[in-house]
Amino acid sequence: MAGTAIDLSHLGKYEEAIKYFNKVLAIDPYRINVLINKAIALGNLTRYDEAITYFNKVLASKPSDIGFRMEVSKNKQMALDALKTGNRYRLSKLRNVTNND
């Protein structure tokens, strides 16, 4: 199901992808790659406040892992910058970093 959601998101079908992300998160609410990809989909729909909420859930998932938190914070900012400027190349590079749990 997560793969379908990510594929739909890559095809620009963000609303449909979010429905699948929600189904996965109902089963596994802390699945990191799904949280991040849902945040990206929300950002692509210019729902930035919601996107930030999902990035923050990722950050909260490992509060004591400083390296993880720094990497996610960097990716959060990079994703938001890419979304706001429409820089799809930069966003696709982020997806390559976040597709693994």
C-alpha atoms as a PDB file:
ATOM      1  CA  MET A   1       0.000   0.000   0.000  1.00  0.00           C
ATOM      2  CA  ALA A   2       2.852   2.410   0.795  1.00  0.00           C
ATOM      3  CA  GLY A   3       4.367   1.711  -2.618  1.00  0.00           C
ATOM      4  CA  THR A   4       1.082   2.563  -4.326  1.00  0.00           C
ATOM      5  CA  ALA A   5       0.871   5.812  -2.373  1.00  0.00           C
ATOM      6  CA  ILE A   6       4.425   6.800  -3.302  1.00  0.00           C
ATOM      7  CA  ASP A   7       3.821   5.899  -6.964  1.00  0.00           C
ATOM      8  CA  LEU A   8       0.650   8.010  -7.036  1.00  0.00           C
ATOM      9  CA  SER A   9       2.508  10.892  -5.434  1.00  0.00           C
ATOM     10  CA  HIS A  10       5.278  10.668  -8.037  1.00  0.00           C
ATOM     11  CA  LEU A  11       2.573  10.801 -10.727  1.00  0.00           C
ATOM     12  CA  GLY A  12       1.238  14.018  -9.229  1.00  0.00           C
ATOM     13  CA  LYS A  13      -1.934  12.375  -7.877  1.00  0.00           C
ATOM     14  CA  TYR A  14      -1.404  13.821  -4.430  1.00  0.00           C
ATOM     15  CA  GLU A  15      -4.966  13.657  -3.088  1.00  0.00           C
ATOM     16  CA  GLU A  16      -5.244   9.985  -4.022  1.00  0.00           C
ATOM     17  CA  ALA A  17      -1.774   9.301  -2.627  1.00  0.00           C
ATOM     18  CA  ILE A  18      -2.726  10.909   0.690  1.00  0.00           C
ATOM     19  CA  LYS A  19      -5.669   8.502   0.997  1.00  0.00           C
ATOM     20  CA  TYR A  20      -3.253   5.573   0.685  1.00  0.00           C
ATOM     21  CA  PHE A  21      -0.738   7.185   3.052  1.00  0.00           C
ATOM     22  CA  ASN A  22      -3.564   7.524   5.587  1.00  0.00           C
ATOM     23  CA  LYS A  23      -4.427   3.819   5.263  1.00  0.00           C
ATOM     24  CA  VAL A  24      -0.806   2.846   5.919  1.00  0.00           C
ATOM     25  CA  LEU A  25      -0.541   5.235   8.850  1.00  0.00           C
ATOM     26  CA  ALA A  26      -3.732   3.803  10.364  1.00  0.00           C
ATOM     27  CA  ILE A  27      -1.858   0.486  10.628  1.00  0.00           C
ATOM     28  CA  ASP A  28       1.631   1.843  11.369  1.00  0.00           C
ATOM     29  CA  PRO A  29       1.443   5.467  12.566  1.00  0.00           C
ATOM     30  CA  TYR A  30       5.229   5.894  12.857  1.00  0.00           C
ATOM     31  CA  ARG A  31       6.338   4.587   9.468  1.00  0.00           C
ATOM     32  CA  ILE A  32       8.980   7.181   8.688  1.00  0.00           C
ATOM     33  CA  ASN A  33       9.029   7.026   4.888  1.00  0.00           C
ATOM     34  CA  VAL A  34       5.232   7.295   4.756  1.00  0.00           C
ATOM     35  CA  LEU A  35       5.174  10.277   7.110  1.00  0.00           C
ATOM     36  CA  ILE A  36       7.815  12.048   5.032  1.00  0.00           C
ATOM     37  CA  ASN A  37       6.193  11.258   1.688  1.00  0.00           C
ATOM     38  CA  LYS A  38       2.800  12.348   3.007  1.00  0.00           C
ATOM     39  CA  ALA A  39       4.400  15.624   4.099  1.00  0.00           C
ATOM     40  CA  ILE A  40       5.801  16.070   0.587  1.00  0.00           C
ATOM     41  CA  ALA A  41       2.412  15.323  -1.004  1.00  0.00           C
ATOM     42  CA  LEU A  42       0.730  17.828   1.303  1.00  0.00           C
ATOM     43  CA  GLY A  43       3.377  20.392   0.410  1.00  0.00           C
ATOM     44  CA  ASN A  44       2.760  19.797  -3.289  1.00  0.00           C
ATOM     45  CA  LEU A  45      -0.860  20.701  -2.609  1.00  0.00           C
ATOM     46  CA  THR A  46       0.434  23.892  -0.889  1.00  0.00           C
ATOM     47  CA  ARG A  47      -0.877  22.596   2.446  1.00  0.00           C
ATOM     48  CA  TYR A  48       2.354  23.655   4.133  1.00  0.00           C
ATOM     49  CA  ASP A  49       1.067  23.767   7.707  1.00  0.00           C
ATOM     50  CA  GLU A  50      -0.076  20.152   7.437  1.00  0.00           C
ATOM     51  CA  ALA A  51       3.208  19.182   5.776  1.00  0.00           C
ATOM     52  CA  ILE A  52       5.151  20.690   8.668  1.00  0.00           C
ATOM     53  CA  THR A  53       3.001  18.720  11.106  1.00  0.00           C
ATOM     54  CA  TYR A  54       4.058  15.466   9.456  1.00  0.00           C
ATOM     55  CA  PHE A  55       7.729  16.417   9.377  1.00  0.00           C
ATOM     56  CA  ASN A  56       7.419  17.214  13.080  1.00  0.00           C
ATOM     57  CA  LYS A  57       5.924  13.750  13.718  1.00  0.00           C
ATOM     58  CA  VAL A  58       9.037  12.275  12.103  1.00  0.00           C
ATOM     59  CA  LEU A  59      11.245  14.415  14.325  1.00  0.00           C
ATOM     60  CA  ALA A  60       9.291  13.325  17.408  1.00  0.00           C
ATOM     61  CA  SER A  61       9.654   9.644  16.526  1.00  0.00           C
ATOM     62  CA  LYS A  62      13.315   9.549  17.633  1.00  0.00           C
ATOM     63  CA  PRO A  63      13.776  12.364  20.142  1.00  0.00           C
ATOM     64  CA  SER A  64      17.146  11.192  21.441  1.00  0.00           C
ATOM     65  CA  ASP A  65      18.770  10.461  18.069  1.00  0.00           C
ATOM     66  CA  ILE A  66      20.494  13.779  17.345  1.00  0.00           C
ATOM     67  CA  GLY A  67      21.941  12.700  13.989  1.00  0.00           C
ATOM     68  CA  PHE A  68      18.530  11.523  12.783  1.00  0.00           C
ATOM     69  CA  ARG A  69      16.861  14.733  13.960  1.00  0.00           C
ATOM     70  CA  MET A  70      19.474  16.886  12.205  1.00  0.00           C
ATOM     71  CA  GLU A  71      19.042  14.954   8.948  1.00  0.00           C
ATOM     72  CA  VAL A  72      15.231  15.127   9.088  1.00  0.00           C
ATOM     73  CA  SER A  73      15.339  18.841   9.956  1.00  0.00           C
ATOM     74  CA  LYS A  74      17.625  19.463   6.991  1.00  0.00           C
ATOM     75  CA  ASN A  75      15.335  17.433   4.716  1.00  0.00           C
ATOM     76  CA  LYS A  76      12.261  19.212   6.091  1.00  0.00           C
ATOM     77  CA  GLN A  77      13.718  22.599   5.215  1.00  0.00           C
ATOM     78  CA  MET A  78      14.990  21.384   1.839  1.00  0.00           C
ATOM     79  CA  ALA A  79      11.550  19.965   0.991  1.00  0.00           C
ATOM     80  CA  LEU A  80       9.719  23.114   2.013  1.00  0.00           C
ATOM     81  CA  ASP A  81      12.139  25.293   0.050  1.00  0.00           C
ATOM     82  CA  ALA A  82      11.780  23.051  -3.009  1.00  0.00           C
ATOM     83  CA  LEU A  83       7.998  23.006  -2.760  1.00  0.00           C
ATOM     84  CA  LYS A  84       7.706  26.755  -2.350  1.00  0.00           C
ATOM     85  CA  THR A  85      10.023  27.480  -5.286  1.00  0.00           C
ATOM     86  CA  GLY A  86       8.704  24.683  -7.499  1.00  0.00           C
ATOM     87  CA  ASN A  87      12.162  23.121  -7.724  1.00  0.00           C
ATOM     88  CA  ARG A  88      11.108  19.557  -8.610  1.00  0.00           C
ATOM     89  CA  TYR A  89      14.704  18.366  -9.168  1.00  0.00           C
ATOM     90  CA  ARG A  90      15.628  19.154  -5.588  1.00  0.00           C
ATOM     91  CA  LEU A  91      12.448  17.512  -4.345  1.00  0.00           C
ATOM     92  CA  SER A  92      13.152  14.320  -6.306  1.00  0.00           C
ATOM     93  CA  LYS A  93      16.616  14.162  -4.706  1.00  0.00           C
ATOM     94  CA  LEU A  94      14.967  14.342  -1.293  1.00  0.00           C
ATOM     95  CA  ARG A  95      12.616  11.483  -2.172  1.00  0.00           C
ATOM     96  CA  ASN A  96      15.638   9.339  -3.009  1.00  0.00           C
ATOM     97  CA  VAL A  97      16.953   9.980   0.488  1.00  0.00           C
ATOM     98  CA  THR A  98      13.660   9.226   2.266  1.00  0.00           C
ATOM     99  CA  ASN A  99      12.248   6.189   0.467  1.00  0.00           C
ATOM    100  CA  ASN A 100      13.858   3.829   2.984  1.00  0.00           C
ATOM    101  CA  ASP A 101      12.635   3.302   6.548  1.00  0.00           C
END
